[in-house]
Protein backbone atom coordinates (compact mmCIF):
# COMPACT_ATOMS: atom_id res chain seq x y z
CA UNK A 1 2.80 37.49 -9.87
CA UNK A 2 3.28 33.81 -8.99
CA UNK A 3 1.07 32.21 -6.39
CA UNK A 4 2.64 31.52 -3.01
CA UNK A 5 4.11 27.99 -2.82
CA UNK A 6 3.52 27.45 -6.55
CA UNK A 7 7.12 26.28 -6.96
CA UNK A 8 6.93 23.57 -4.29
CA UNK A 9 4.60 20.64 -4.89
CA UNK A 10 4.24 18.00 -2.17
CA UNK A 11 1.79 15.10 -2.00
CA UNK A 12 1.32 13.14 1.23
CA UNK A 13 -0.61 9.92 1.88
CA UNK A 14 -2.58 10.53 5.06
CA UNK A 15 -4.42 7.19 5.10
CA UNK A 16 -3.68 4.32 5.40
CA UNK A 17 -0.79 4.78 7.79
CA UNK A 18 2.56 2.99 7.32
CA UNK A 19 2.43 -0.59 8.58
CA UNK A 20 -1.36 -0.63 8.81
CA UNK A 21 -2.93 -4.09 8.56
CA UNK A 22 -5.99 -4.21 6.31
CA UNK A 23 -8.36 -7.11 6.76
CA UNK A 24 -12.01 -7.99 6.79
CA UNK A 25 -14.81 -6.65 4.66
CA UNK A 26 -14.99 -2.99 5.76
CA UNK A 27 -13.86 -0.30 3.33
CA UNK A 28 -10.62 1.52 4.13
CA UNK A 29 -10.24 5.18 3.17
CA UNK A 30 -7.15 5.87 1.05
CA UNK A 31 -6.57 9.61 1.27
CA UNK A 32 -3.93 12.14 0.21
CA UNK A 33 -3.23 15.83 0.56
CA UNK A 34 -1.47 17.99 -2.01
CA UNK A 35 0.20 21.31 -1.23
CA UNK A 36 1.71 23.84 -3.55
CA UNK A 37 2.04 23.41 -7.26
CA UNK A 38 -0.71 24.59 -9.56
CA UNK A 39 -4.21 23.09 -9.47
CA UNK A 40 -5.84 21.03 -10.77
CA UNK A 41 -3.92 17.93 -9.73
CA UNK A 42 -4.18 14.44 -11.21
CA UNK A 43 -3.58 11.32 -9.13
CA UNK A 44 -2.57 7.72 -9.71
CA UNK A 45 -2.61 5.24 -6.81
CA UNK A 46 -0.74 1.99 -7.48
CA UNK A 47 -0.01 -1.19 -5.55
CA UNK A 48 3.07 -3.26 -6.35
CA UNK A 49 0.78 -6.32 -6.21
CA UNK A 50 -2.62 -5.17 -7.52
CA UNK A 51 -1.57 -2.43 -9.96
CA UNK A 52 -3.68 0.71 -10.41
CA UNK A 53 -6.11 1.27 -7.53
CA UNK A 54 -7.57 4.72 -8.28
CA UNK A 55 -7.10 8.05 -10.02
CA UNK A 56 -8.86 10.12 -7.31
CA UNK A 57 -7.31 12.07 -4.42
CA UNK A 58 -9.21 9.77 -2.03
CA UNK A 59 -11.17 6.56 -2.44
CA UNK A 60 -12.59 3.63 -0.48
CA UNK A 61 -11.03 0.19 -0.91
CA UNK A 62 -12.39 -3.06 0.47
CA UNK A 63 -9.46 -5.21 1.72
CA UNK A 64 -11.22 -8.36 0.51
CA UNK A 65 -10.74 -7.07 -3.07
CA UNK A 66 -6.95 -6.86 -2.67
CA UNK A 67 -4.49 -9.74 -2.97
CA UNK A 68 -3.19 -10.79 0.44
CA UNK A 69 0.39 -9.79 1.18
CA UNK A 70 2.83 -6.96 1.75
CA UNK A 71 1.84 -4.01 -0.46
CA UNK A 72 3.85 -0.95 -1.34
CA UNK A 73 1.32 1.76 -2.23
CA UNK A 74 2.68 4.56 -4.40
CA UNK A 75 0.73 7.73 -5.10
CA UNK A 76 1.92 9.80 -8.04
CA UNK A 77 0.38 13.26 -8.34
CA UNK A 78 0.90 15.73 -11.16
CA UNK A 79 0.02 19.41 -11.09
CA UNK A 80 -1.32 21.51 -13.97
CA UNK A 81 2.23 22.40 -15.07
CA UNK A 82 3.28 18.73 -15.32
CA UNK A 83 5.35 18.72 -12.12
CA UNK A 84 5.09 15.41 -10.26
CA UNK A 85 5.28 14.48 -6.60
CA UNK A 86 5.15 11.04 -5.04
CA UNK A 87 4.06 9.54 -1.75
CA UNK A 88 4.59 5.95 -0.59
CA UNK A 89 3.28 3.75 2.21
CA UNK A 90 3.65 0.05 2.99
CA UNK A 91 0.69 -1.94 4.32
CA UNK A 92 -0.19 -5.57 4.96
CA UNK A 93 -3.37 -7.12 3.57
CA UNK A 94 -4.59 -10.18 5.46
């Protein structure tokens, strides 16, 4: 019998929030939730400016280590069956 919600796989970026301004020298928590699909999940966080940021479901990023500008952050998650889901958020690094 299939697990409940196994057919639907959704990944959501919960932090940072859309439009958030990152600045200074304090770490910012990048965090995602995954629902459905089949565990384990793999993750790939990417910035259109800085490239790959992490392969974890959540990680800390110091804004001073990012290039200043308007970033589109894309999270690609893949479940154990190879099904992918994507989340996206835009932020500003100052």
